[in-house]
C-alpha atoms as a PDB file:
ATOM      1  CA  MET A   1      -0.234  -7.648 -27.600  1.00  0.00           C
ATOM      2  CA  ILE A   2       0.165  -3.869 -27.613  1.00  0.00           C
ATOM      3  CA  PRO A   3      -1.477  -1.830 -24.812  1.00  0.00           C
ATOM      4  CA  ILE A   4      -3.008   1.439 -25.985  1.00  0.00           C
ATOM      5  CA  ASP A   5      -5.147   2.876 -23.174  1.00  0.00           C
ATOM      6  CA  ASP A   6      -7.319   1.861 -20.227  1.00  0.00           C
ATOM      7  CA  ASN A   7     -10.975   2.457 -19.421  1.00  0.00           C
ATOM      8  CA  LEU A   8     -10.363   4.687 -16.401  1.00  0.00           C
ATOM      9  CA  PRO A   9     -10.857   8.462 -16.206  1.00  0.00           C
ATOM     10  CA  GLN A  10      -7.773  10.670 -15.867  1.00  0.00           C
ATOM     11  CA  ARG A  11      -7.992  13.032 -12.889  1.00  0.00           C
ATOM     12  CA  SER A  12      -5.022  15.264 -13.713  1.00  0.00           C
ATOM     13  CA  PRO A  13      -2.569  15.707 -16.616  1.00  0.00           C
ATOM     14  CA  PRO A  14       0.315  13.179 -16.514  1.00  0.00           C
ATOM     15  CA  ILE A  15       3.075  15.778 -16.222  1.00  0.00           C
ATOM     16  CA  ALA A  16       5.696  13.571 -14.560  1.00  0.00           C
ATOM     17  CA  THR A  17       5.015  10.648 -16.901  1.00  0.00           C
ATOM     18  CA  THR A  18       5.449  12.922 -19.895  1.00  0.00           C
ATOM     19  CA  ILE A  19       8.726  14.290 -18.506  1.00  0.00           C
ATOM     20  CA  LEU A  20      10.061  10.782 -17.871  1.00  0.00           C
ATOM     21  CA  ILE A  21       9.181   9.717 -21.408  1.00  0.00           C
ATOM     22  CA  ALA A  22      10.845  12.831 -22.846  1.00  0.00           C
ATOM     23  CA  LEU A  23      14.023  12.206 -20.799  1.00  0.00           C
ATOM     24  CA  ASN A  24      14.256   8.610 -21.957  1.00  0.00           C
ATOM     25  CA  ILE A  25      13.782   9.593 -25.597  1.00  0.00           C
ATOM     26  CA  ALA A  26      16.329  12.425 -25.373  1.00  0.00           C
ATOM     27  CA  ILE A  27      18.973  10.168 -23.849  1.00  0.00           C
ATOM     28  CA  PHE A  28      18.285   7.445 -26.401  1.00  0.00           C
ATOM     29  CA  ILE A  29      18.890   9.988 -29.168  1.00  0.00           C
ATOM     30  CA  ILE A  30      22.255  10.707 -27.544  1.00  0.00           C
ATOM     31  CA  GLU A  31      22.948   6.969 -27.552  1.00  0.00           C
ATOM     32  CA  LEU A  32      22.134   6.800 -31.266  1.00  0.00           C
ATOM     33  CA  HIS A  33      24.560   9.641 -31.913  1.00  0.00           C
ATOM     34  CA  LEU A  34      27.312   7.943 -29.911  1.00  0.00           C
ATOM     35  CA  ASP A  35      26.584   4.628 -31.615  1.00  0.00           C
ATOM     36  CA  ALA A  36      27.062   6.252 -35.018  1.00  0.00           C
ATOM     37  CA  ARG A  37      30.435   7.603 -33.858  1.00  0.00           C
ATOM     38  CA  GLY A  38      31.530   4.277 -32.362  1.00  0.00           C
ATOM     39  CA  GLU A  39      31.611   5.719 -28.837  1.00  0.00           C
ATOM     40  CA  LEU A  40      28.620   3.947 -27.317  1.00  0.00           C
ATOM     41  CA  THR A  41      30.594   1.226 -25.518  1.00  0.00           C
ATOM     42  CA  ASP A  42      32.707   3.779 -23.643  1.00  0.00           C
ATOM     43  CA  PHE A  43      29.563   5.709 -22.732  1.00  0.00           C
ATOM     44  CA  LEU A  44      27.846   2.594 -21.370  1.00  0.00           C
ATOM     45  CA  ASN A  45      30.984   1.614 -19.485  1.00  0.00           C
ATOM     46  CA  THR A  46      30.657   4.883 -17.574  1.00  0.00           C
ATOM     47  CA  TRP A  47      26.903   5.118 -17.065  1.00  0.00           C
ATOM     48  CA  ALA A  48      25.461   1.592 -17.210  1.00  0.00           C
ATOM     49  CA  LEU A  49      24.983  -0.661 -14.198  1.00  0.00           C
ATOM     50  CA  VAL A  50      27.671  -3.368 -14.029  1.00  0.00           C
ATOM     51  CA  PRO A  51      26.930  -5.666 -11.051  1.00  0.00           C
ATOM     52  CA  ALA A  52      30.527  -6.910 -10.751  1.00  0.00           C
ATOM     53  CA  ARG A  53      31.823  -3.349 -10.495  1.00  0.00           C
ATOM     54  CA  LEU A  54      29.168  -2.322  -7.984  1.00  0.00           C
ATOM     55  CA  THR A  55      29.861  -5.434  -5.882  1.00  0.00           C
ATOM     56  CA  SER A  56      33.614  -4.767  -5.927  1.00  0.00           C
ATOM     57  CA  MET A  57      33.100  -1.185  -4.775  1.00  0.00           C
ATOM     58  CA  ALA A  58      30.772  -2.326  -1.989  1.00  0.00           C
ATOM     59  CA  ASN A  59      33.238  -4.981  -0.811  1.00  0.00           C
ATOM     60  CA  ASP A  60      36.086  -2.457  -0.800  1.00  0.00           C
ATOM     61  CA  ALA A  61      34.029   0.032   1.203  1.00  0.00           C
ATOM     62  CA  ILE A  62      33.025  -2.586   3.782  1.00  0.00           C
ATOM     63  CA  ALA A  63      36.513  -4.067   4.102  1.00  0.00           C
ATOM     64  CA  SER A  64      38.465  -0.824   4.317  1.00  0.00           C
ATOM     65  CA  GLN A  65      36.011   1.286   6.317  1.00  0.00           C
ATOM     66  CA  ASN A  66      37.581   4.169   4.423  1.00  0.00           C
ATOM     67  CA  PRO A  67      35.187   7.127   4.144  1.00  0.00           C
ATOM     68  CA  ALA A  68      36.504   7.824   0.649  1.00  0.00           C
ATOM     69  CA  ALA A  69      35.492   4.316  -0.434  1.00  0.00           C
ATOM     70  CA  TRP A  70      31.968   4.892   0.864  1.00  0.00           C
ATOM     71  CA  VAL A  71      31.778   8.225  -0.935  1.00  0.00           C
ATOM     72  CA  ALA A  72      32.894   6.522  -4.153  1.00  0.00           C
ATOM     73  CA  LEU A  73      30.296   3.787  -3.660  1.00  0.00           C
ATOM     74  CA  LEU A  74      27.497   6.276  -3.123  1.00  0.00           C
ATOM     75  CA  ALA A  75      28.579   8.616  -5.924  1.00  0.00           C
ATOM     76  CA  MET A  76      29.657   6.173  -8.617  1.00  0.00           C
ATOM     77  CA  GLY A  77      27.674   3.072  -7.644  1.00  0.00           C
ATOM     78  CA  GLY A  78      24.547   5.007  -6.776  1.00  0.00           C
ATOM     79  CA  GLY A  79      25.003   7.133  -9.861  1.00  0.00           C
ATOM     80  CA  SER A  80      25.089   4.109 -12.158  1.00  0.00           C
ATOM     81  CA  LEU A  81      21.940   2.710 -10.544  1.00  0.00           C
ATOM     82  CA  LEU A  82      20.183   5.955 -11.401  1.00  0.00           C
ATOM     83  CA  SER A  83      21.640   6.631 -14.840  1.00  0.00           C
ATOM     84  CA  ALA A  84      21.144   3.038 -16.051  1.00  0.00           C
ATOM     85  CA  MET A  85      17.386   3.538 -15.710  1.00  0.00           C
ATOM     86  CA  PHE A  86      17.439   6.087 -18.532  1.00  0.00           C
ATOM     87  CA  LEU A  87      19.575   4.079 -20.966  1.00  0.00           C
ATOM     88  CA  HIS A  88      18.264   1.529 -23.464  1.00  0.00           C
ATOM     89  CA  GLY A  89      20.020  -0.977 -25.660  1.00  0.00           C
ATOM     90  CA  SER A  90      17.531  -1.367 -28.504  1.00  0.00           C
ATOM     91  CA  PHE A  91      14.583   0.257 -30.236  1.00  0.00           C
ATOM     92  CA  SER A  92      12.260  -2.498 -29.062  1.00  0.00           C
ATOM     93  CA  GLN A  93      13.315  -2.051 -25.443  1.00  0.00           C
ATOM     94  CA  ILE A  94      12.680   1.682 -25.304  1.00  0.00           C
ATOM     95  CA  LEU A  95       9.444   1.486 -27.313  1.00  0.00           C
ATOM     96  CA  GLY A  96       8.078  -1.303 -25.119  1.00  0.00           C
ATOM     97  CA  ASN A  97       9.073   0.387 -21.878  1.00  0.00           C
ATOM     98  CA  LEU A  98       7.722   3.803 -22.790  1.00  0.00           C
ATOM     99  CA  LEU A  99       4.460   2.401 -24.097  1.00  0.00           C
ATOM    100  CA  PHE A 100       3.884   0.605 -20.786  1.00  0.00           C
ATOM    101  CA  LEU A 101       4.903   3.740 -18.894  1.00  0.00           C
ATOM    102  CA  TRP A 102       2.367   5.839 -20.787  1.00  0.00           C
ATOM    103  CA  VAL A 103      -0.538   3.406 -20.457  1.00  0.00           C
ATOM    104  CA  PHE A 104      -0.043   2.420 -16.811  1.00  0.00           C
ATOM    105  CA  GLY A 105       2.003   5.286 -15.397  1.00  0.00           C
ATOM    106  CA  ARG A 106      -0.594   8.002 -15.899  1.00  0.00           C
ATOM    107  CA  LYS A 107      -3.082   6.477 -13.456  1.00  0.00           C
ATOM    108  CA  VAL A 108      -0.381   5.749 -10.881  1.00  0.00           C
ATOM    109  CA  GLU A 109       0.699   9.378 -11.145  1.00  0.00           C
ATOM    110  CA  ASP A 110      -2.951  10.326 -10.615  1.00  0.00           C
ATOM    111  CA  ILE A 111      -3.090   8.646  -7.201  1.00  0.00           C
ATOM    112  CA  LEU A 112       0.408   9.646  -6.068  1.00  0.00           C
ATOM    113  CA  GLY A 113       0.716  13.202  -7.259  1.00  0.00           C
ATOM    114  CA  HIS A 114       3.370  14.410  -9.679  1.00  0.00           C
ATOM    115  CA  PHE A 115       6.384  14.783  -7.358  1.00  0.00           C
ATOM    116  CA  THR A 116       5.718  11.674  -5.284  1.00  0.00           C
ATOM    117  CA  TYR A 117       5.236   9.648  -8.455  1.00  0.00           C
ATOM    118  CA  PHE A 118       8.561  10.844  -9.839  1.00  0.00           C
ATOM    119  CA  GLY A 119      10.348   9.843  -6.629  1.00  0.00           C
ATOM    120  CA  PHE A 120       8.486   6.526  -6.508  1.00  0.00           C
ATOM    121  CA  TYR A 121       9.615   5.735 -10.054  1.00  0.00           C
ATOM    122  CA  LEU A 122      13.270   6.483  -9.285  1.00  0.00           C
ATOM    123  CA  LEU A 123      13.256   4.647  -5.954  1.00  0.00           C
ATOM    124  CA  CYS A 124      11.720   1.488  -7.393  1.00  0.00           C
ATOM    125  CA  GLY A 125      14.151   1.527 -10.311  1.00  0.00           C
ATOM    126  CA  ILE A 126      17.146   1.854  -7.986  1.00  0.00           C
ATOM    127  CA  LEU A 127      15.915  -0.908  -5.676  1.00  0.00           C
ATOM    128  CA  SER A 128      15.369  -3.187  -8.675  1.00  0.00           C
ATOM    129  CA  GLY A 129      18.924  -2.494  -9.823  1.00  0.00           C
ATOM    130  CA  ILE A 130      20.283  -3.354  -6.385  1.00  0.00           C
ATOM    131  CA  GLY A 131      18.303  -6.601  -6.495  1.00  0.00           C
ATOM    132  CA  GLN A 132      19.880  -7.460  -9.838  1.00  0.00           C
ATOM    133  CA  ALA A 133      23.382  -6.796  -8.513  1.00  0.00           C
ATOM    134  CA  ILE A 134      22.751  -8.962  -5.444  1.00  0.00           C
ATOM    135  CA  ALA A 135      21.366 -11.797  -7.588  1.00  0.00           C
ATOM    136  CA  GLU A 136      24.387 -11.884  -9.894  1.00  0.00           C
ATOM    137  CA  PRO A 137      27.250 -10.058  -8.167  1.00  0.00           C
ATOM    138  CA  SER A 138      29.892 -11.294 -10.635  1.00  0.00           C
ATOM    139  CA  LEU A 139      28.012 -10.304 -13.800  1.00  0.00           C
ATOM    140  CA  SER A 140      30.189  -7.993 -15.920  1.00  0.00           C
ATOM    141  CA  ALA A 141      27.577  -7.156 -18.580  1.00  0.00           C
ATOM    142  CA  PHE A 142      25.823  -3.800 -18.894  1.00  0.00           C
ATOM    143  CA  LEU A 143      22.379  -3.729 -17.284  1.00  0.00           C
ATOM    144  CA  ILE A 144      20.358  -0.824 -18.632  1.00  0.00           C
ATOM    145  CA  GLY A 145      16.762   0.173 -19.160  1.00  0.00           C
ATOM    146  CA  ALA A 146      13.719   1.355 -17.258  1.00  0.00           C
ATOM    147  CA  ASN A 147      12.431  -2.222 -16.985  1.00  0.00           C
ATOM    148  CA  GLY A 148      12.574  -2.397 -13.188  1.00  0.00           C
ATOM    149  CA  ALA A 149      10.845   0.954 -12.714  1.00  0.00           C
ATOM    150  CA  ILE A 150       8.209   0.119 -15.346  1.00  0.00           C
ATOM    151  CA  ALA A 151       7.535  -3.214 -13.641  1.00  0.00           C
ATOM    152  CA  ALA A 152       7.036  -1.325 -10.372  1.00  0.00           C
ATOM    153  CA  ILE A 153       4.542   1.001 -12.042  1.00  0.00           C
ATOM    154  CA  LEU A 154       2.686  -2.017 -13.414  1.00  0.00           C
ATOM    155  CA  GLY A 155       2.637  -3.672  -9.971  1.00  0.00           C
ATOM    156  CA  ALA A 156       1.302  -0.470  -8.379  1.00  0.00           C
ATOM    157  CA  TYR A 157      -1.340  -0.139 -11.091  1.00  0.00           C
ATOM    158  CA  LEU A 158      -2.592  -3.707 -10.649  1.00  0.00           C
ATOM    159  CA  LEU A 159      -2.897  -3.292  -6.882  1.00  0.00           C
ATOM    160  CA  ASN A 160      -4.968  -0.147  -7.264  1.00  0.00           C
ATOM    161  CA  PHE A 161      -6.980  -0.958 -10.392  1.00  0.00           C
ATOM    162  CA  PRO A 162      -7.279  -4.765 -10.465  1.00  0.00           C
ATOM    163  CA  LYS A 163     -10.487  -4.738 -12.529  1.00  0.00           C
ATOM    164  CA  ALA A 164      -9.330  -2.249 -15.149  1.00  0.00           C
ATOM    165  CA  LYS A 165      -9.636  -3.139 -18.816  1.00  0.00           C
ATOM    166  CA  ILE A 166      -6.869  -2.281 -21.254  1.00  0.00           C
ATOM    167  CA  ASP A 167      -7.616  -1.350 -24.854  1.00  0.00           C
ATOM    168  CA  SER A 168      -5.008  -3.245 -26.864  1.00  0.00           C
ATOM    169  CA  LEU A 169      -3.999  -4.166 -30.381  1.00  0.00           C
ATOM    170  CA  LEU A 170      -3.465  -7.798 -31.327  1.00  0.00           C
ATOM    171  CA  PRO A 171      -1.063  -7.975 -34.288  1.00  0.00           C
ATOM    172  CA  LEU A 172      -1.838 -10.740 -36.771  1.00  0.00           C
ATOM    173  CA  ILE A 173       0.741 -10.613 -39.562  1.00  0.00           C
ATOM    174  CA  ILE A 174      -0.193  -7.250 -41.182  1.00  0.00           C
ATOM    175  CA  VAL A 175      -3.518  -6.708 -39.439  1.00  0.00           C
ATOM    176  CA  PHE A 176      -4.004  -5.161 -35.995  1.00  0.00           C
ATOM    177  CA  ILE A 177      -7.167  -6.280 -34.231  1.00  0.00           C
ATOM    178  CA  PRO A 178      -8.481  -4.083 -31.377  1.00  0.00           C
ATOM    179  CA  VAL A 179      -9.256  -6.072 -28.236  1.00  0.00           C
ATOM    180  CA  GLU A 180      -9.957  -5.324 -24.580  1.00  0.00           C
ATOM    181  CA  VAL A 181      -8.106  -7.418 -22.021  1.00  0.00           C
ATOM    182  CA  PRO A 182      -7.937  -7.429 -18.201  1.00  0.00           C
ATOM    183  CA  ALA A 183      -5.082  -5.433 -16.718  1.00  0.00           C
ATOM    184  CA  PHE A 184      -3.783  -8.555 -14.970  1.00  0.00           C
ATOM    185  CA  PHE A 185      -2.966 -10.039 -18.379  1.00  0.00           C
ATOM    186  CA  TYR A 186      -0.095  -7.578 -18.630  1.00  0.00           C
ATOM    187  CA  SER A 187       1.494  -8.831 -15.423  1.00  0.00           C
ATOM    188  CA  LEU A 188       2.290 -11.959 -17.463  1.00  0.00           C
ATOM    189  CA  TRP A 189       2.776 -10.360 -20.864  1.00  0.00           C
ATOM    190  CA  TRP A 190       5.387  -7.973 -19.452  1.00  0.00           C
ATOM    191  CA  PHE A 191       7.699 -10.934 -18.874  1.00  0.00           C
ATOM    192  CA  VAL A 192       7.046 -12.343 -22.344  1.00  0.00           C
ATOM    193  CA  GLN A 193       8.002  -9.129 -24.085  1.00  0.00           C
ATOM    194  CA  GLN A 194      11.456  -9.148 -22.445  1.00  0.00           C
ATOM    195  CA  ILE A 195      12.377 -11.873 -24.942  1.00  0.00           C
ATOM    196  CA  PHE A 196      12.015  -9.435 -27.836  1.00  0.00           C
ATOM    197  CA  TYR A 197      14.103  -6.593 -26.414  1.00  0.00           C
ATOM    198  CA  GLY A 198      17.100  -7.525 -28.548  1.00  0.00           C
ATOM    199  CA  ILE A 199      15.304  -6.425 -31.714  1.00  0.00           C
ATOM    200  CA  GLY A 200      16.903  -3.305 -33.176  1.00  0.00           C
ATOM    201  CA  GLU A 201      19.895  -3.363 -30.825  1.00  0.00           C
ATOM    202  CA  LEU A 202      22.465  -0.593 -30.990  1.00  0.00           C
ATOM    203  CA  GLY A 203      25.891  -1.282 -32.434  1.00  0.00           C
ATOM    204  CA  GLY A 204      25.594  -5.050 -32.203  1.00  0.00           C
ATOM    205  CA  LEU A 205      26.248  -4.715 -28.483  1.00  0.00           C
ATOM    206  CA  TYR A 206      23.229  -6.596 -27.208  1.00  0.00           C
ATOM    207  CA  ALA A 207      25.261  -9.713 -26.375  1.00  0.00           C
ATOM    208  CA  ASN A 208      26.837  -7.677 -23.570  1.00  0.00           C
ATOM    209  CA  ILE A 209      23.678  -5.777 -22.610  1.00  0.00           C
ATOM    210  CA  ASN A 210      20.915  -7.158 -20.411  1.00  0.00           C
ATOM    211  CA  PRO A 211      21.767 -10.863 -20.829  1.00  0.00           C
ATOM    212  CA  SER A 212      18.891 -13.304 -20.344  1.00  0.00           C
ATOM    213  CA  SER A 213      20.172 -14.324 -16.942  1.00  0.00           C
ATOM    214  CA  THR A 214      18.783 -14.430 -13.428  1.00  0.00           C
ATOM    215  CA  GLY A 215      19.756 -10.836 -12.761  1.00  0.00           C
ATOM    216  CA  TYR A 216      18.018  -9.505 -15.863  1.00  0.00           C
ATOM    217  CA  TRP A 217      14.793 -11.377 -15.205  1.00  0.00           C
ATOM    218  CA  LEU A 218      14.873  -9.951 -11.689  1.00  0.00           C
ATOM    219  CA  HIS A 219      13.698  -6.749 -13.320  1.00  0.00           C
ATOM    220  CA  GLY A 220      10.422  -8.412 -12.354  1.00  0.00           C
ATOM    221  CA  LEU A 221      11.390  -7.771  -8.750  1.00  0.00           C
ATOM    222  CA  GLY A 222      10.272  -4.240  -9.488  1.00  0.00           C
ATOM    223  CA  MET A 223       6.700  -5.459  -9.805  1.00  0.00           C
ATOM    224  CA  ALA A 224       6.775  -6.751  -6.242  1.00  0.00           C
ATOM    225  CA  ILE A 225       8.523  -3.594  -5.025  1.00  0.00           C
ATOM    226  CA  GLY A 226       5.924  -1.386  -6.677  1.00  0.00           C
ATOM    227  CA  ALA A 227       2.962  -3.363  -5.352  1.00  0.00           C
ATOM    228  CA  GLY A 228       4.446  -3.669  -1.873  1.00  0.00           C
ATOM    229  CA  SER A 229       5.398  -0.033  -1.417  1.00  0.00           C
ATOM    230  CA  ILE A 230       2.557   1.807  -3.150  1.00  0.00           C
ATOM    231  CA  PRO A 231       0.309   1.876  -0.023  1.00  0.00           C
ATOM    232  CA  PHE A 232       2.934   4.020   1.736  1.00  0.00           C
ATOM    233  CA  PHE A 233       3.021   6.628  -1.026  1.00  0.00           C
ATOM    234  CA  VAL A 234      -0.540   6.868  -2.290  1.00  0.00           C
ATOM    235  CA  ARG A 235      -2.340  10.185  -1.734  1.00  0.00           C
ATOM    236  CA  PHE A 236      -5.663   9.488  -3.437  1.00  0.00           C
ATOM    237  CA  LYS A 237      -6.521   5.864  -2.737  1.00  0.00           C
ATOM    238  CA  PRO A 238      -9.017   4.583  -5.308  1.00  0.00           C
ATOM    239  CA  LYS A 239     -12.036   2.596  -4.184  1.00  0.00           C
ATOM    240  CA  THR A 240     -10.869  -0.325  -6.306  1.00  0.00           C
ATOM    241  CA  ALA A 241      -7.559  -0.712  -4.411  1.00  0.00           C
ATOM    242  CA  ILE A 242      -7.003  -4.124  -2.821  1.00  0.00           C
ATOM    243  CA  TYR A 243      -5.003  -3.038   0.238  1.00  0.00           C
END
């Protein structure tokens, strides 16, 4: 099922959503270039989230009480939590994430305002990454993608527009059938589509990127984070909100 649009009016242009989509596409193009040169693994080793590395840095900082260790944790660990949100390991992952961001993010941006929405997106993505690291602290694979932040956007959308209808395309072999489905359907379908994110992987690296483990599926934690925190950020609460 492919979401295309919803049946809600747009109050203001989705400036922040458009910028986020452009950033993700630009960085993915850089990844493609590095993949062609055989340098993608080194790039991911620097910028991707690796729970085992983040856990080790946190343990060192706590054990040593050395200010330098805390600075390293905040700069390098915090930096990887942020940068990993803008990296993707396959064509299917980035296409799926950005499609969901466009369909559901625009209305969330509408009720938050451009700057607040941008901060909300980053905060939820970082918190989701921390949740992944806590769930599997010894995982040495690369965790990348906007999945956690997108899940948060979806959670925020569902809490504010629970009765919205989503114009979608149902692919049947070579035919695409237009259908309208309840927004809540995508709270389940989002998890299903994670299975297909290995399609079109870069450099054959997907075995070491976003493994189908507890930590990766905890991207769904973002949905709870988004739904739970949206009431504290919303500026224009819609009448359909259920909080």
